[in-house]
Amino acid sequence: MSVNHIIRSSSCVRAFLWMNIGACLVLILRVYVLPSVTKTEVEANHAESVSRHLLEVHPQKNCCNCTSTDSESHRSSFKVPNIVHYIWYNKQTAPLQFHHLLSILSAHKILKPDIIYFHTDKLPGGVYWERVKRLPDFKINYRSPPQQLFGEALKPPMFYTSHSNVDRVKILQEYGGVYLDLDTIIIKPLDDLRNYDCTIGLEQETQACGSFIMCNKNAMFLILWLNAYLDDYQIEHWAYNSGKVPANLARRYPQLVHVEPYKINRPNFDELDRIWGPNRFNWQDNYALHLWYRIWKDMSPYYDGIEPDPNTIKTMNNTFGEIARTVYYGKAEMIL
């Protein structure tokens, strides 16, 4: 056998091996990363957009107090860093309310986070703000509402404060951690959830809620969710992009996200009697509790005109009273 023949044979073997390795990689991607789903016209356009933006990351450029690299110093053995995010977008100064303080205190005391970021374009005021900004892990981050995603113009929302619906997903893509609405109370540590790439909670069987989102930086689930704000942003439909979209994505791509059906956003807005009314539930088993504060005040028979504050919570005879006293005073029992 000639030397040239041996060389040609070796080259063929190498080419054959590389072809098979490539085929295996494609198979792994198809089976484990992006399994096929039924294609509608919207999904096809969405998939095209995802492929266009998949590898693009555009962190916010106008952060005054922090950058996305800050989170890299807070890494641990968990996938999700122990960072908490709140968003406060307002056109004028408004007071931080007592239930907002309870949310931040619950995160501070129970999660013991590396840092609590308060992302805002207009600082709140009031006595509760003066208290919360003295917390040692609390950091103000000046930030403007997003106007673009992946270099494409973003449709403006109907309400200025609704900019946070997009930006909570974008912030988690940039930093990782847990985003909390300011009427969401942390009940117990989240370490059980921090080894999932993402965690969301359902408020109903087919709908999630953006009051609590916990994800690793640049998680694929977040990229898919952000793309929906470009391709299918239905600003006229309440909670469509913050509730229906993530629930649908979780159903199609269950390998990308962990879904908690009961321990984050339940009781829901139809079950306010178990939060603000006479009925009880085992709230200690929850990871978090969404208070549905505006619905309680505007639409609930359980609102009697008395706002929660350090004095009124002492004798509130409901689940909220127990939780508020636990966070603020360190015990659930009424203080007479």
C-alpha atoms as a PDB file:
ATOM      1  CA  MET A   1       0.000   0.000   0.000  1.00  0.00           C
ATOM      2  CA  SER A   2       1.450   3.403  -1.058  1.00  0.00           C
ATOM      3  CA  VAL A   3       2.073   6.283   1.297  1.00  0.00           C
ATOM      4  CA  ASN A   4      -0.379   8.464  -0.656  1.00  0.00           C
ATOM      5  CA  HIS A   5      -3.060   5.816  -0.311  1.00  0.00           C
ATOM      6  CA  ILE A   6      -2.519   5.640   3.447  1.00  0.00           C
ATOM      7  CA  ILE A   7      -2.764   9.433   3.747  1.00  0.00           C
ATOM      8  CA  ARG A   8      -5.982   9.499   1.695  1.00  0.00           C
ATOM      9  CA  SER A   9      -7.466   6.743   3.837  1.00  0.00           C
ATOM     10  CA  SER A  10      -6.575   8.576   7.070  1.00  0.00           C
ATOM     11  CA  SER A  11      -8.168  11.747   5.762  1.00  0.00           C
ATOM     12  CA  CYS A  12     -11.354   9.895   4.957  1.00  0.00           C
ATOM     13  CA  VAL A  13     -11.464   8.421   8.439  1.00  0.00           C
ATOM     14  CA  ARG A  14     -11.024  11.855  10.020  1.00  0.00           C
ATOM     15  CA  ALA A  15     -13.703  13.365   7.815  1.00  0.00           C
ATOM     16  CA  PHE A  16     -16.064  10.515   8.677  1.00  0.00           C
ATOM     17  CA  LEU A  17     -15.469  11.016  12.399  1.00  0.00           C
ATOM     18  CA  TRP A  18     -16.049  14.794  12.225  1.00  0.00           C
ATOM     19  CA  MET A  19     -19.271  14.276  10.229  1.00  0.00           C
ATOM     20  CA  ASN A  20     -20.601  11.913  12.886  1.00  0.00           C
ATOM     21  CA  ILE A  21     -19.588  14.188  15.753  1.00  0.00           C
ATOM     22  CA  GLY A  22     -21.397  17.064  14.057  1.00  0.00           C
ATOM     23  CA  ALA A  23     -24.501  14.957  13.553  1.00  0.00           C
ATOM     24  CA  CYS A  24     -24.488  13.980  17.235  1.00  0.00           C
ATOM     25  CA  LEU A  25     -24.235  17.610  18.313  1.00  0.00           C
ATOM     26  CA  VAL A  26     -27.180  18.577  16.124  1.00  0.00           C
ATOM     27  CA  LEU A  27     -29.195  15.667  17.562  1.00  0.00           C
ATOM     28  CA  ILE A  28     -28.401  16.745  21.141  1.00  0.00           C
ATOM     29  CA  LEU A  29     -29.486  20.315  20.414  1.00  0.00           C
ATOM     30  CA  ARG A  30     -32.740  19.164  18.860  1.00  0.00           C
ATOM     31  CA  VAL A  31     -33.628  16.687  21.579  1.00  0.00           C
ATOM     32  CA  TYR A  32     -32.507  18.447  24.741  1.00  0.00           C
ATOM     33  CA  VAL A  33     -32.317  22.159  24.032  1.00  0.00           C
ATOM     34  CA  LEU A  34     -35.034  23.166  21.598  1.00  0.00           C
ATOM     35  CA  PRO A  35     -37.550  20.358  21.052  1.00  0.00           C
ATOM     36  CA  SER A  36     -39.922  20.924  18.149  1.00  0.00           C
ATOM     37  CA  VAL A  37     -43.374  22.300  18.813  1.00  0.00           C
ATOM     38  CA  THR A  38     -46.433  22.681  16.664  1.00  0.00           C
ATOM     39  CA  LYS A  39     -45.810  25.598  14.349  1.00  0.00           C
ATOM     40  CA  THR A  40     -48.398  28.317  13.930  1.00  0.00           C
ATOM     41  CA  GLU A  41     -47.607  31.387  11.877  1.00  0.00           C
ATOM     42  CA  VAL A  42     -46.927  33.421  15.046  1.00  0.00           C
ATOM     43  CA  GLU A  43     -44.624  30.731  16.464  1.00  0.00           C
ATOM     44  CA  ALA A  44     -42.734  30.519  13.183  1.00  0.00           C
ATOM     45  CA  ASN A  45     -42.114  34.271  13.217  1.00  0.00           C
ATOM     46  CA  HIS A  46     -41.185  34.042  16.898  1.00  0.00           C
ATOM     47  CA  ALA A  47     -38.674  31.264  16.205  1.00  0.00           C
ATOM     48  CA  GLU A  48     -37.127  33.318  13.406  1.00  0.00           C
ATOM     49  CA  SER A  49     -36.760  36.269  15.754  1.00  0.00           C
ATOM     50  CA  VAL A  50     -35.215  34.086  18.459  1.00  0.00           C
ATOM     51  CA  SER A  51     -32.592  32.786  16.053  1.00  0.00           C
ATOM     52  CA  ARG A  52     -31.870  36.394  15.101  1.00  0.00           C
ATOM     53  CA  HIS A  53     -31.374  37.591  18.687  1.00  0.00           C
ATOM     54  CA  LEU A  54     -30.246  34.449  20.445  1.00  0.00           C
ATOM     55  CA  LEU A  55     -26.641  35.430  20.977  1.00  0.00           C
ATOM     56  CA  GLU A  56     -27.166  39.169  21.371  1.00  0.00           C
ATOM     57  CA  VAL A  57     -26.895  40.697  24.841  1.00  0.00           C
ATOM     58  CA  HIS A  58     -27.270  44.448  25.283  1.00  0.00           C
ATOM     59  CA  PRO A  59     -26.958  45.491  28.952  1.00  0.00           C
ATOM     60  CA  GLN A  60     -28.424  48.840  30.014  1.00  0.00           C
ATOM     61  CA  LYS A  61     -25.942  51.582  29.228  1.00  0.00           C
ATOM     62  CA  ASN A  62     -27.126  54.234  31.684  1.00  0.00           C
ATOM     63  CA  CYS A  63     -26.593  52.437  34.999  1.00  0.00           C
ATOM     64  CA  CYS A  64     -25.079  54.941  37.368  1.00  0.00           C
ATOM     65  CA  ASN A  65     -24.417  52.755  40.379  1.00  0.00           C
ATOM     66  CA  CYS A  66     -23.831  49.316  38.934  1.00  0.00           C
ATOM     67  CA  THR A  67     -23.170  47.216  35.865  1.00  0.00           C
ATOM     68  CA  SER A  68     -24.123  43.695  34.942  1.00  0.00           C
ATOM     69  CA  THR A  69     -20.637  42.568  35.901  1.00  0.00           C
ATOM     70  CA  ASP A  70     -21.453  43.334  39.546  1.00  0.00           C
ATOM     71  CA  SER A  71     -23.400  40.081  39.756  1.00  0.00           C
ATOM     72  CA  GLU A  72     -20.328  38.077  38.778  1.00  0.00           C
ATOM     73  CA  SER A  73     -18.789  38.846  42.165  1.00  0.00           C
ATOM     74  CA  HIS A  74     -21.810  37.281  43.879  1.00  0.00           C
ATOM     75  CA  ARG A  75     -21.603  33.833  42.324  1.00  0.00           C
ATOM     76  CA  SER A  76     -21.951  30.741  44.450  1.00  0.00           C
ATOM     77  CA  SER A  77     -22.463  27.037  44.028  1.00  0.00           C
ATOM     78  CA  PHE A  78     -26.051  27.773  42.964  1.00  0.00           C
ATOM     79  CA  LYS A  79     -27.053  28.545  39.393  1.00  0.00           C
ATOM     80  CA  VAL A  80     -28.989  31.650  40.436  1.00  0.00           C
ATOM     81  CA  PRO A  81     -27.063  34.348  42.350  1.00  0.00           C
ATOM     82  CA  ASN A  82     -28.432  35.604  45.665  1.00  0.00           C
ATOM     83  CA  ILE A  83     -29.396  39.010  44.299  1.00  0.00           C
ATOM     84  CA  VAL A  84     -32.788  40.686  44.725  1.00  0.00           C
ATOM     85  CA  HIS A  85     -34.274  43.201  42.296  1.00  0.00           C
ATOM     86  CA  TYR A  86     -37.059  45.757  42.702  1.00  0.00           C
ATOM     87  CA  ILE A  87     -38.201  48.280  40.083  1.00  0.00           C
ATOM     88  CA  TRP A  88     -39.724  51.695  40.780  1.00  0.00           C
ATOM     89  CA  TYR A  89     -40.573  53.715  37.654  1.00  0.00           C
ATOM     90  CA  ASN A  90     -42.476  56.931  38.307  1.00  0.00           C
ATOM     91  CA  LYS A  91     -42.816  60.349  36.702  1.00  0.00           C
ATOM     92  CA  GLN A  92     -42.997  62.081  40.070  1.00  0.00           C
ATOM     93  CA  THR A  93     -41.888  61.446  43.622  1.00  0.00           C
ATOM     94  CA  ALA A  94     -44.278  59.180  45.518  1.00  0.00           C
ATOM     95  CA  PRO A  95     -44.015  57.766  49.042  1.00  0.00           C
ATOM     96  CA  LEU A  96     -42.784  54.253  49.658  1.00  0.00           C
ATOM     97  CA  GLN A  97     -45.626  52.540  51.474  1.00  0.00           C
ATOM     98  CA  PHE A  98     -45.535  50.247  54.488  1.00  0.00           C
ATOM     99  CA  HIS A  99     -46.273  47.059  52.519  1.00  0.00           C
ATOM    100  CA  HIS A 100     -43.362  47.973  50.205  1.00  0.00           C
ATOM    101  CA  LEU A 101     -41.138  48.168  53.278  1.00  0.00           C
ATOM    102  CA  LEU A 102     -42.404  44.753  54.415  1.00  0.00           C
ATOM    103  CA  SER A 103     -41.459  43.222  51.072  1.00  0.00           C
ATOM    104  CA  ILE A 104     -37.922  44.624  51.172  1.00  0.00           C
ATOM    105  CA  LEU A 105     -37.471  43.703  54.846  1.00  0.00           C
ATOM    106  CA  SER A 106     -38.638  40.142  54.159  1.00  0.00           C
ATOM    107  CA  ALA A 107     -36.056  39.753  51.385  1.00  0.00           C
ATOM    108  CA  HIS A 108     -33.355  41.304  53.572  1.00  0.00           C
ATOM    109  CA  LYS A 109     -34.074  39.166  56.653  1.00  0.00           C
ATOM    110  CA  ILE A 110     -34.955  35.813  55.072  1.00  0.00           C
ATOM    111  CA  LEU A 111     -32.846  35.654  51.915  1.00  0.00           C
ATOM    112  CA  LYS A 112     -29.818  37.470  53.363  1.00  0.00           C
ATOM    113  CA  PRO A 113     -28.922  38.513  49.821  1.00  0.00           C
ATOM    114  CA  ASP A 114     -25.559  39.676  48.591  1.00  0.00           C
ATOM    115  CA  ILE A 115     -27.301  42.804  47.364  1.00  0.00           C
ATOM    116  CA  ILE A 116     -30.777  44.292  46.917  1.00  0.00           C
ATOM    117  CA  TYR A 117     -30.955  46.453  43.785  1.00  0.00           C
ATOM    118  CA  PHE A 118     -33.619  49.171  43.685  1.00  0.00           C
ATOM    119  CA  HIS A 119     -33.834  50.109  39.996  1.00  0.00           C
ATOM    120  CA  THR A 120     -35.467  53.513  39.531  1.00  0.00           C
ATOM    121  CA  ASP A 121     -35.669  56.693  37.493  1.00  0.00           C
ATOM    122  CA  LYS A 122     -37.335  58.709  40.282  1.00  0.00           C
ATOM    123  CA  LEU A 123     -36.604  58.091  43.945  1.00  0.00           C
ATOM    124  CA  PRO A 124     -39.537  57.557  46.301  1.00  0.00           C
ATOM    125  CA  GLY A 125     -39.846  59.458  49.553  1.00  0.00           C
ATOM    126  CA  GLY A 126     -41.363  59.149  52.997  1.00  0.00           C
ATOM    127  CA  VAL A 127     -40.390  57.664  56.360  1.00  0.00           C
ATOM    128  CA  TYR A 128     -40.361  54.084  55.109  1.00  0.00           C
ATOM    129  CA  TRP A 129     -37.991  55.027  52.279  1.00  0.00           C
ATOM    130  CA  GLU A 130     -35.641  56.670  54.781  1.00  0.00           C
ATOM    131  CA  ARG A 131     -35.559  53.403  56.719  1.00  0.00           C
ATOM    132  CA  VAL A 132     -35.136  51.018  53.806  1.00  0.00           C
ATOM    133  CA  LYS A 133     -32.305  52.891  52.132  1.00  0.00           C
ATOM    134  CA  ARG A 134     -30.210  52.445  55.298  1.00  0.00           C
ATOM    135  CA  LEU A 135     -30.181  48.648  54.933  1.00  0.00           C
ATOM    136  CA  PRO A 136     -26.570  47.523  54.417  1.00  0.00           C
ATOM    137  CA  ASP A 137     -27.362  45.343  51.377  1.00  0.00           C
ATOM    138  CA  PHE A 138     -29.594  47.948  49.686  1.00  0.00           C
ATOM    139  CA  LYS A 139     -28.275  49.710  46.578  1.00  0.00           C
ATOM    140  CA  ILE A 140     -30.007  52.301  44.395  1.00  0.00           C
ATOM    141  CA  ASN A 141     -29.487  51.852  40.662  1.00  0.00           C
ATOM    142  CA  TYR A 142     -30.612  54.731  38.444  1.00  0.00           C
ATOM    143  CA  ARG A 143     -32.024  53.294  35.260  1.00  0.00           C
ATOM    144  CA  SER A 144     -34.365  54.416  32.492  1.00  0.00           C
ATOM    145  CA  PRO A 145     -37.305  52.375  31.180  1.00  0.00           C
ATOM    146  CA  PRO A 146     -36.298  50.274  28.178  1.00  0.00           C
ATOM    147  CA  GLN A 147     -36.909  51.719  24.721  1.00  0.00           C
ATOM    148  CA  GLN A 148     -35.284  48.884  22.775  1.00  0.00           C
ATOM    149  CA  LEU A 149     -34.662  45.157  22.954  1.00  0.00           C
ATOM    150  CA  PHE A 150     -31.839  43.548  20.973  1.00  0.00           C
ATOM    151  CA  GLY A 151     -31.441  46.805  19.025  1.00  0.00           C
ATOM    152  CA  GLU A 152     -35.092  46.940  17.934  1.00  0.00           C
ATOM    153  CA  ALA A 153     -37.601  49.576  19.001  1.00  0.00           C
ATOM    154  CA  LEU A 154     -40.009  48.494  21.728  1.00  0.00           C
ATOM    155  CA  LYS A 155     -43.695  49.425  21.702  1.00  0.00           C
ATOM    156  CA  PRO A 156     -44.453  51.781  24.633  1.00  0.00           C
ATOM    157  CA  PRO A 157     -46.900  50.448  27.242  1.00  0.00           C
ATOM    158  CA  MET A 158     -50.239  52.064  28.099  1.00  0.00           C
ATOM    159  CA  PHE A 159     -49.076  53.060  31.603  1.00  0.00           C
ATOM    160  CA  TYR A 160     -45.662  54.446  32.529  1.00  0.00           C
ATOM    161  CA  THR A 161     -45.247  52.062  35.466  1.00  0.00           C
ATOM    162  CA  SER A 162     -45.873  49.118  33.117  1.00  0.00           C
ATOM    163  CA  HIS A 163     -42.351  49.603  31.715  1.00  0.00           C
ATOM    164  CA  SER A 164     -41.324  47.346  34.600  1.00  0.00           C
ATOM    165  CA  ASN A 165     -43.063  44.372  32.946  1.00  0.00           C
ATOM    166  CA  VAL A 166     -40.385  44.325  30.247  1.00  0.00           C
ATOM    167  CA  ASP A 167     -37.508  45.518  32.358  1.00  0.00           C
ATOM    168  CA  ARG A 168     -37.871  42.872  35.083  1.00  0.00           C
ATOM    169  CA  VAL A 169     -37.109  40.230  32.449  1.00  0.00           C
ATOM    170  CA  LYS A 170     -34.316  42.320  30.934  1.00  0.00           C
ATOM    171  CA  ILE A 171     -32.732  43.000  34.335  1.00  0.00           C
ATOM    172  CA  LEU A 172     -32.689  39.300  35.175  1.00  0.00           C
ATOM    173  CA  GLN A 173     -31.080  38.602  31.792  1.00  0.00           C
ATOM    174  CA  GLU A 174     -28.359  41.109  32.657  1.00  0.00           C
ATOM    175  CA  TYR A 175     -27.732  40.219  36.319  1.00  0.00           C
ATOM    176  CA  GLY A 176     -29.565  37.055  37.343  1.00  0.00           C
ATOM    177  CA  GLY A 177     -31.282  36.744  40.717  1.00  0.00           C
ATOM    178  CA  VAL A 178     -34.879  37.119  41.847  1.00  0.00           C
ATOM    179  CA  TYR A 179     -37.227  39.909  40.840  1.00  0.00           C
ATOM    180  CA  LEU A 180     -40.000  40.783  43.306  1.00  0.00           C
ATOM    181  CA  ASP A 181     -43.001  43.029  43.026  1.00  0.00           C
ATOM    182  CA  LEU A 182     -43.182  45.439  45.947  1.00  0.00           C
ATOM    183  CA  ASP A 183     -46.318  43.707  47.215  1.00  0.00           C
ATOM    184  CA  THR A 184     -44.662  40.284  47.317  1.00  0.00           C
ATOM    185  CA  ILE A 185     -43.459  39.003  50.681  1.00  0.00           C
ATOM    186  CA  ILE A 186     -40.714  36.395  51.021  1.00  0.00           C
ATOM    187  CA  ILE A 187     -41.806  33.644  53.427  1.00  0.00           C
ATOM    188  CA  LYS A 188     -38.857  31.245  53.501  1.00  0.00           C
ATOM    189  CA  PRO A 189     -35.405  30.783  51.882  1.00  0.00           C
ATOM    190  CA  LEU A 190     -35.277  30.069  48.158  1.00  0.00           C
ATOM    191  CA  ASP A 191     -32.253  27.747  48.069  1.00  0.00           C
ATOM    192  CA  ASP A 192     -34.461  24.851  46.897  1.00  0.00           C
ATOM    193  CA  LEU A 193     -35.153  26.846  43.727  1.00  0.00           C
ATOM    194  CA  ARG A 194     -31.723  28.330  43.018  1.00  0.00           C
ATOM    195  CA  ASN A 195     -30.424  25.331  41.090  1.00  0.00           C
ATOM    196  CA  TYR A 196     -33.074  25.713  38.417  1.00  0.00           C
ATOM    197  CA  ASP A 197     -32.154  28.005  35.526  1.00  0.00           C
ATOM    198  CA  CYS A 198     -35.499  29.749  36.008  1.00  0.00           C
ATOM    199  CA  THR A 199     -38.505  29.594  38.330  1.00  0.00           C
ATOM    200  CA  ILE A 200     -41.916  31.182  37.874  1.00  0.00           C
ATOM    201  CA  GLY A 201     -45.172  30.818  39.802  1.00  0.00           C
ATOM    202  CA  LEU A 202     -48.684  30.241  38.499  1.00  0.00           C
ATOM    203  CA  GLU A 203     -51.617  32.383  39.595  1.00  0.00           C
ATOM    204  CA  GLN A 204     -54.032  30.162  37.671  1.00  0.00           C
ATOM    205  CA  GLU A 205     -53.679  26.834  35.903  1.00  0.00           C
ATOM    206  CA  THR A 206     -52.835  28.416  32.538  1.00  0.00           C
ATOM    207  CA  GLN A 207     -51.366  31.738  33.638  1.00  0.00           C
ATOM    208  CA  ALA A 208     -48.209  32.777  35.447  1.00  0.00           C
ATOM    209  CA  CYS A 209     -47.598  36.037  37.292  1.00  0.00           C
ATOM    210  CA  GLY A 210     -44.596  38.332  37.004  1.00  0.00           C
ATOM    211  CA  SER A 211     -44.634  39.253  40.701  1.00  0.00           C
ATOM    212  CA  PHE A 212     -41.841  36.721  41.311  1.00  0.00           C
ATOM    213  CA  ILE A 213     -39.292  35.644  38.703  1.00  0.00           C
ATOM    214  CA  MET A 214     -36.082  33.853  39.616  1.00  0.00           C
ATOM    215  CA  CYS A 215     -33.524  33.135  36.893  1.00  0.00           C
ATOM    216  CA  ASN A 216     -29.903  32.709  36.057  1.00  0.00           C
ATOM    217  CA  LYS A 217     -28.232  35.418  34.026  1.00  0.00           C
ATOM    218  CA  ASN A 218     -28.859  34.949  30.276  1.00  0.00           C
ATOM    219  CA  ALA A 219     -31.177  31.971  30.828  1.00  0.00           C
ATOM    220  CA  MET A 220     -32.699  30.797  27.550  1.00  0.00           C
ATOM    221  CA  PHE A 221     -36.196  31.164  29.010  1.00  0.00           C
ATOM    222  CA  LEU A 222     -35.606  34.896  29.506  1.00  0.00           C
ATOM    223  CA  ILE A 223     -34.434  35.352  25.913  1.00  0.00           C
ATOM    224  CA  LEU A 224     -37.568  33.660  24.595  1.00  0.00           C
ATOM    225  CA  TRP A 225     -39.722  35.781  26.902  1.00  0.00           C
ATOM    226  CA  LEU A 226     -38.038  39.025  25.814  1.00  0.00           C
ATOM    227  CA  ASN A 227     -38.519  38.176  22.157  1.00  0.00           C
ATOM    228  CA  ALA A 228     -42.267  37.945  22.756  1.00  0.00           C
ATOM    229  CA  TYR A 229     -42.227  41.616  23.775  1.00  0.00           C
ATOM    230  CA  LEU A 230     -40.963  42.408  20.270  1.00  0.00           C
ATOM    231  CA  ASP A 231     -43.044  39.945  18.271  1.00  0.00           C
ATOM    232  CA  ASP A 232     -46.276  39.693  20.260  1.00  0.00           C
ATOM    233  CA  TYR A 233     -46.569  42.621  22.697  1.00  0.00           C
ATOM    234  CA  GLN A 234     -50.289  42.939  23.428  1.00  0.00           C
ATOM    235  CA  ILE A 235     -50.370  46.055  25.590  1.00  0.00           C
ATOM    236  CA  GLU A 236     -54.177  46.199  25.492  1.00  0.00           C
ATOM    237  CA  HIS A 237     -54.517  42.761  27.114  1.00  0.00           C
ATOM    238  CA  TRP A 238     -53.848  42.855  30.856  1.00  0.00           C
ATOM    239  CA  ALA A 239     -51.156  40.386  31.970  1.00  0.00           C
ATOM    240  CA  TYR A 240     -50.876  38.784  28.528  1.00  0.00           C
ATOM    241  CA  ASN A 241     -47.115  39.214  28.150  1.00  0.00           C
ATOM    242  CA  SER A 242     -46.363  38.936  31.870  1.00  0.00           C
ATOM    243  CA  GLY A 243     -48.712  35.992  32.497  1.00  0.00           C
ATOM    244  CA  LYS A 244     -49.923  34.108  29.436  1.00  0.00           C
ATOM    245  CA  VAL A 245     -46.657  34.238  27.503  1.00  0.00           C
ATOM    246  CA  PRO A 246     -44.401  32.771  30.243  1.00  0.00           C
ATOM    247  CA  ALA A 247     -46.994  30.080  30.998  1.00  0.00           C
ATOM    248  CA  ASN A 248     -47.134  29.101  27.328  1.00  0.00           C
ATOM    249  CA  LEU A 249     -43.342  29.078  27.068  1.00  0.00           C
ATOM    250  CA  ALA A 250     -43.119  26.892  30.175  1.00  0.00           C
ATOM    251  CA  ARG A 251     -45.546  24.427  28.606  1.00  0.00           C
ATOM    252  CA  ARG A 252     -43.602  24.272  25.336  1.00  0.00           C
ATOM    253  CA  TYR A 253     -40.109  24.260  26.861  1.00  0.00           C
ATOM    254  CA  PRO A 254     -40.426  22.596  30.297  1.00  0.00           C
ATOM    255  CA  GLN A 255     -36.711  21.846  30.369  1.00  0.00           C
ATOM    256  CA  LEU A 256     -35.970  25.590  30.558  1.00  0.00           C
ATOM    257  CA  VAL A 257     -38.013  26.576  33.600  1.00  0.00           C
ATOM    258  CA  HIS A 258     -39.348  25.263  36.901  1.00  0.00           C
ATOM    259  CA  VAL A 259     -42.999  26.096  37.570  1.00  0.00           C
ATOM    260  CA  GLU A 260     -44.392  26.419  41.094  1.00  0.00           C
ATOM    261  CA  PRO A 261     -48.178  25.981  40.898  1.00  0.00           C
ATOM    262  CA  TYR A 262     -49.092  26.902  44.483  1.00  0.00           C
ATOM    263  CA  LYS A 263     -46.199  28.204  46.612  1.00  0.00           C
ATOM    264  CA  ILE A 264     -45.561  31.642  45.068  1.00  0.00           C
ATOM    265  CA  ASN A 265     -48.724  33.240  43.666  1.00  0.00           C
ATOM    266  CA  ARG A 266     -51.413  31.339  45.509  1.00  0.00           C
ATOM    267  CA  PRO A 267     -53.746  32.298  47.083  1.00  0.00           C
ATOM    268  CA  ASN A 268     -54.592  34.387  44.005  1.00  0.00           C
ATOM    269  CA  PHE A 269     -56.863  37.399  43.458  1.00  0.00           C
ATOM    270  CA  ASP A 270     -59.941  35.137  43.628  1.00  0.00           C
ATOM    271  CA  GLU A 271     -58.829  33.825  47.023  1.00  0.00           C
ATOM    272  CA  LEU A 272     -58.292  37.075  48.931  1.00  0.00           C
ATOM    273  CA  ASP A 273     -60.378  35.753  51.819  1.00  0.00           C
ATOM    274  CA  ARG A 274     -57.352  33.597  52.689  1.00  0.00           C
ATOM    275  CA  ILE A 275     -55.005  36.595  52.805  1.00  0.00           C
ATOM    276  CA  TRP A 276     -57.099  39.573  53.889  1.00  0.00           C
ATOM    277  CA  GLY A 277     -60.295  37.871  55.059  1.00  0.00           C
ATOM    278  CA  PRO A 278     -61.312  35.468  57.838  1.00  0.00           C
ATOM    279  CA  ASN A 279     -60.030  32.254  56.268  1.00  0.00           C
ATOM    280  CA  ARG A 280     -56.546  30.829  56.744  1.00  0.00           C
ATOM    281  CA  PHE A 281     -54.059  28.603  54.933  1.00  0.00           C
ATOM    282  CA  ASN A 282     -50.665  27.156  55.773  1.00  0.00           C
ATOM    283  CA  TRP A 283     -48.725  30.215  54.628  1.00  0.00           C
ATOM    284  CA  GLN A 284     -45.463  28.958  56.191  1.00  0.00           C
ATOM    285  CA  ASP A 285     -45.283  26.384  53.373  1.00  0.00           C
ATOM    286  CA  ASN A 286     -45.079  29.090  50.691  1.00  0.00           C
ATOM    287  CA  TYR A 287     -41.836  30.454  49.295  1.00  0.00           C
ATOM    288  CA  ALA A 288     -43.492  33.835  48.817  1.00  0.00           C
ATOM    289  CA  LEU A 289     -46.899  35.475  49.020  1.00  0.00           C
ATOM    290  CA  HIS A 290     -48.281  37.967  46.538  1.00  0.00           C
ATOM    291  CA  LEU A 291     -50.550  40.346  48.461  1.00  0.00           C
ATOM    292  CA  TRP A 292     -52.567  41.551  45.435  1.00  0.00           C
ATOM    293  CA  TYR A 293     -52.560  44.884  47.283  1.00  0.00           C
ATOM    294  CA  ARG A 294     -54.277  47.087  44.687  1.00  0.00           C
ATOM    295  CA  ILE A 295     -57.015  44.520  44.064  1.00  0.00           C
ATOM    296  CA  TRP A 296     -57.532  44.227  47.835  1.00  0.00           C
ATOM    297  CA  LYS A 297     -57.978  48.001  48.133  1.00  0.00           C
ATOM    298  CA  ASP A 298     -59.970  48.658  44.953  1.00  0.00           C
ATOM    299  CA  MET A 299     -62.140  45.567  44.519  1.00  0.00           C
ATOM    300  CA  SER A 300     -62.190  43.512  47.703  1.00  0.00           C
ATOM    301  CA  PRO A 301     -64.911  43.396  50.385  1.00  0.00           C
ATOM    302  CA  TYR A 302     -62.134  42.911  52.956  1.00  0.00           C
ATOM    303  CA  TYR A 303     -60.777  46.462  52.669  1.00  0.00           C
ATOM    304  CA  ASP A 304     -62.230  48.532  55.510  1.00  0.00           C
ATOM    305  CA  GLY A 305     -60.255  51.722  54.930  1.00  0.00           C
ATOM    306  CA  ILE A 306     -57.528  50.867  57.444  1.00  0.00           C
ATOM    307  CA  GLU A 307     -54.064  50.903  55.866  1.00  0.00           C
ATOM    308  CA  PRO A 308     -51.348  48.625  57.236  1.00  0.00           C
ATOM    309  CA  ASP A 309     -48.710  50.360  59.334  1.00  0.00           C
ATOM    310  CA  PRO A 310     -46.577  49.380  62.352  1.00  0.00           C
ATOM    311  CA  ASN A 311     -49.531  49.973  64.707  1.00  0.00           C
ATOM    312  CA  THR A 312     -52.503  48.609  62.763  1.00  0.00           C
ATOM    313  CA  ILE A 313     -50.802  45.280  61.969  1.00  0.00           C
ATOM    314  CA  LYS A 314     -50.515  44.524  65.698  1.00  0.00           C
ATOM    315  CA  THR A 315     -54.153  43.453  65.879  1.00  0.00           C
ATOM    316  CA  MET A 316     -54.992  42.498  62.266  1.00  0.00           C
ATOM    317  CA  ASN A 317     -56.751  39.161  62.620  1.00  0.00           C
ATOM    318  CA  ASN A 318     -55.973  37.630  59.239  1.00  0.00           C
ATOM    319  CA  THR A 319     -53.151  35.918  57.346  1.00  0.00           C
ATOM    320  CA  PHE A 320     -51.635  39.210  56.258  1.00  0.00           C
ATOM    321  CA  GLY A 321     -51.512  40.345  59.881  1.00  0.00           C
ATOM    322  CA  GLU A 322     -49.635  37.195  60.899  1.00  0.00           C
ATOM    323  CA  ILE A 323     -47.120  37.579  58.075  1.00  0.00           C
ATOM    324  CA  ALA A 324     -46.663  41.322  58.592  1.00  0.00           C
ATOM    325  CA  ARG A 325     -46.004  40.850  62.320  1.00  0.00           C
ATOM    326  CA  THR A 326     -43.561  38.022  61.575  1.00  0.00           C
ATOM    327  CA  VAL A 327     -41.564  40.228  59.199  1.00  0.00           C
ATOM    328  CA  TYR A 328     -41.744  43.436  61.235  1.00  0.00           C
ATOM    329  CA  TYR A 329     -41.851  42.261  64.851  1.00  0.00           C
ATOM    330  CA  GLY A 330     -40.466  38.727  64.593  1.00  0.00           C
ATOM    331  CA  LYS A 331     -43.607  36.924  65.783  1.00  0.00           C
ATOM    332  CA  ALA A 332     -46.963  36.063  64.234  1.00  0.00           C
ATOM    333  CA  GLU A 333     -49.140  36.460  67.352  1.00  0.00           C
ATOM    334  CA  MET A 334     -51.284  39.551  67.781  1.00  0.00           C
ATOM    335  CA  ILE A 335     -49.782  42.267  69.943  1.00  0.00           C
ATOM    336  CA  LEU A 336     -52.404  43.574  72.358  1.00  0.00           C
END
